[in-house]
Amino acid sequence: MSNQRTSRPKPPPPGNEEATATLNLGEFQNVDTLTLSEASLVLNALVAKRRNDRKNVNET
């Protein structure tokens, strides 16, 4: 059986983000992160908006 590729290679992400031993976040390098409460508020608002727009809640 041959080892032919079944899909194309993933293109590199735009920007200079990099996940190595030293994490490089590009333009977000020195930005404060969201707290758990803030992240929860953002996600809950997104789910509510999608429900109101009648879109599938599980879509990204």
N, C-alpha and C. Protein backbone atom coordinates (compact mmCIF):
# COMPACT_ATOMS: atom_id res chain seq x y z
N MET A 1 0.85 -1.18 0.00
CA MET A 1 0.00 0.00 0.00
C MET A 1 0.89 1.24 0.00
N SER A 2 0.57 2.22 -0.82
CA SER A 2 1.39 3.43 -0.91
C SER A 2 1.03 4.42 0.20
N ASN A 3 1.98 5.28 0.50
CA ASN A 3 1.76 6.30 1.53
C ASN A 3 1.46 7.65 0.90
N GLN A 4 0.42 7.72 0.09
CA GLN A 4 0.05 8.97 -0.54
C GLN A 4 -0.67 9.86 0.46
N ARG A 5 -0.45 11.16 0.31
CA ARG A 5 -1.14 12.11 1.18
C ARG A 5 -2.62 12.14 0.82
N THR A 6 -3.48 12.15 1.83
CA THR A 6 -4.91 12.23 1.58
C THR A 6 -5.43 13.65 1.76
N SER A 7 -4.60 14.54 2.26
CA SER A 7 -5.01 15.93 2.41
C SER A 7 -3.80 16.83 2.19
N ARG A 8 -4.09 18.08 1.94
CA ARG A 8 -2.99 19.03 1.73
C ARG A 8 -2.40 19.46 3.06
N PRO A 9 -1.17 19.92 3.07
CA PRO A 9 -0.54 20.35 4.32
C PRO A 9 -1.22 21.60 4.87
N LYS A 10 -1.23 21.72 6.17
CA LYS A 10 -1.85 22.86 6.83
C LYS A 10 -0.99 24.10 6.59
N PRO A 11 -1.62 25.21 6.13
CA PRO A 11 -0.83 26.42 5.91
C PRO A 11 -0.36 27.02 7.23
N PRO A 12 0.76 27.71 7.24
CA PRO A 12 1.23 28.33 8.48
C PRO A 12 0.28 29.45 8.91
N PRO A 13 0.09 29.65 10.21
CA PRO A 13 -0.81 30.70 10.68
C PRO A 13 -0.25 32.08 10.35
N PRO A 14 -1.15 33.04 10.12
CA PRO A 14 -0.67 34.40 9.87
C PRO A 14 -0.05 34.99 11.13
N GLY A 15 0.85 35.91 10.97
CA GLY A 15 1.48 36.53 12.14
C GLY A 15 2.68 35.73 12.60
N ASN A 16 3.15 36.05 13.78
CA ASN A 16 4.35 35.38 14.28
C ASN A 16 4.06 34.60 15.56
N GLU A 17 2.84 34.03 15.66
CA GLU A 17 2.52 33.19 16.80
C GLU A 17 3.30 31.88 16.70
N GLU A 18 3.70 31.35 17.84
CA GLU A 18 4.52 30.15 17.83
C GLU A 18 4.37 29.44 19.17
N ALA A 19 4.12 28.13 19.13
CA ALA A 19 4.00 27.34 20.35
C ALA A 19 5.20 26.42 20.46
N THR A 20 6.26 26.89 21.07
CA THR A 20 7.46 26.10 21.30
C THR A 20 7.73 26.13 22.80
N ALA A 21 8.93 25.82 23.20
CA ALA A 21 9.27 25.87 24.63
C ALA A 21 9.03 27.26 25.19
N THR A 22 9.26 28.29 24.37
CA THR A 22 8.95 29.66 24.75
C THR A 22 7.77 30.11 23.90
N LEU A 23 6.64 30.39 24.54
CA LEU A 23 5.43 30.75 23.83
C LEU A 23 5.53 32.15 23.25
N ASN A 24 5.27 32.30 21.95
CA ASN A 24 5.29 33.60 21.28
C ASN A 24 3.88 33.92 20.83
N LEU A 25 3.26 34.95 21.39
CA LEU A 25 1.87 35.28 21.11
C LEU A 25 1.71 36.42 20.11
N GLY A 26 2.78 36.80 19.46
CA GLY A 26 2.69 37.85 18.45
C GLY A 26 2.22 39.16 19.04
N GLU A 27 1.18 39.75 18.43
CA GLU A 27 0.69 41.04 18.88
C GLU A 27 0.06 40.98 20.28
N PHE A 28 -0.23 39.79 20.78
CA PHE A 28 -0.83 39.64 22.10
C PHE A 28 0.19 39.28 23.18
N GLN A 29 1.46 39.42 22.88
CA GLN A 29 2.53 38.99 23.77
C GLN A 29 2.43 39.62 25.17
N ASN A 30 2.22 40.92 25.27
CA ASN A 30 2.21 41.58 26.58
C ASN A 30 0.82 42.07 26.98
N VAL A 31 -0.22 41.38 26.52
CA VAL A 31 -1.60 41.75 26.82
C VAL A 31 -2.08 40.90 27.99
N ASP A 32 -2.79 41.53 28.93
CA ASP A 32 -3.35 40.78 30.06
C ASP A 32 -4.37 39.76 29.56
N THR A 33 -4.42 38.61 30.22
CA THR A 33 -5.38 37.58 29.86
C THR A 33 -6.71 37.84 30.54
N LEU A 34 -7.76 37.18 30.06
CA LEU A 34 -9.06 37.28 30.70
C LEU A 34 -9.07 36.41 31.95
N THR A 35 -9.82 36.85 32.95
CA THR A 35 -10.03 36.00 34.12
C THR A 35 -11.04 34.93 33.73
N LEU A 36 -11.19 33.93 34.57
CA LEU A 36 -12.16 32.88 34.31
C LEU A 36 -13.57 33.47 34.22
N SER A 37 -13.89 34.41 35.10
CA SER A 37 -15.21 35.06 35.09
C SER A 37 -15.43 35.84 33.80
N GLU A 38 -14.41 36.57 33.35
CA GLU A 38 -14.53 37.35 32.12
C GLU A 38 -14.71 36.43 30.91
N ALA A 39 -13.95 35.35 30.87
CA ALA A 39 -14.06 34.41 29.77
C ALA A 39 -15.45 33.76 29.75
N SER A 40 -15.97 33.45 30.92
CA SER A 40 -17.31 32.87 31.03
C SER A 40 -18.36 33.84 30.50
N LEU A 41 -18.24 35.12 30.84
CA LEU A 41 -19.18 36.14 30.34
C LEU A 41 -19.13 36.24 28.82
N VAL A 42 -17.93 36.21 28.26
CA VAL A 42 -17.78 36.30 26.81
C VAL A 42 -18.43 35.09 26.14
N LEU A 43 -18.15 33.89 26.64
CA LEU A 43 -18.71 32.69 26.03
C LEU A 43 -20.22 32.63 26.17
N ASN A 44 -20.74 33.01 27.34
CA ASN A 44 -22.19 33.00 27.54
C ASN A 44 -22.88 34.01 26.62
N ALA A 45 -22.27 35.18 26.42
CA ALA A 45 -22.84 36.18 25.52
C ALA A 45 -22.83 35.66 24.08
N LEU A 46 -21.77 34.97 23.69
CA LEU A 46 -21.69 34.41 22.34
C LEU A 46 -22.77 33.35 22.12
N VAL A 47 -22.96 32.47 23.09
CA VAL A 47 -23.98 31.43 22.97
C VAL A 47 -25.36 32.06 22.90
N ALA A 48 -25.63 33.07 23.73
CA ALA A 48 -26.93 33.74 23.71
C ALA A 48 -27.18 34.42 22.36
N LYS A 49 -26.16 35.07 21.82
CA LYS A 49 -26.32 35.73 20.52
C LYS A 49 -26.61 34.72 19.43
N ARG A 50 -25.92 33.60 19.45
CA ARG A 50 -26.16 32.57 18.44
C ARG A 50 -27.56 31.99 18.57
N ARG A 51 -28.03 31.83 19.79
CA ARG A 51 -29.40 31.34 19.99
C ARG A 51 -30.39 32.34 19.42
N ASN A 52 -30.16 33.62 19.69
CA ASN A 52 -31.06 34.66 19.19
C ASN A 52 -31.01 34.75 17.68
N ASP A 53 -29.87 34.49 17.09
CA ASP A 53 -29.73 34.53 15.63
C ASP A 53 -30.16 33.21 14.99
N ARG A 54 -30.60 32.28 15.81
CA ARG A 54 -31.04 30.94 15.37
C ARG A 54 -29.95 30.18 14.63
N LYS A 55 -28.72 30.36 15.05
CA LYS A 55 -27.61 29.60 14.48
C LYS A 55 -27.33 28.43 15.41
N ASN A 56 -26.66 27.43 14.89
CA ASN A 56 -26.29 26.27 15.69
C ASN A 56 -25.31 26.71 16.78
N VAL A 57 -25.65 26.46 18.02
CA VAL A 57 -24.84 26.89 19.16
C VAL A 57 -23.47 26.23 19.13
N ASN A 58 -23.38 25.02 18.58
CA ASN A 58 -22.12 24.29 18.59
C ASN A 58 -21.20 24.65 17.43
N GLU A 59 -21.65 25.48 16.50
CA GLU A 59 -20.79 25.89 15.40
C GLU A 59 -19.73 26.85 15.89
N THR A 60 -18.62 26.89 15.20
CA THR A 60 -17.57 27.85 15.56
C THR A 60 -17.45 28.90 14.49
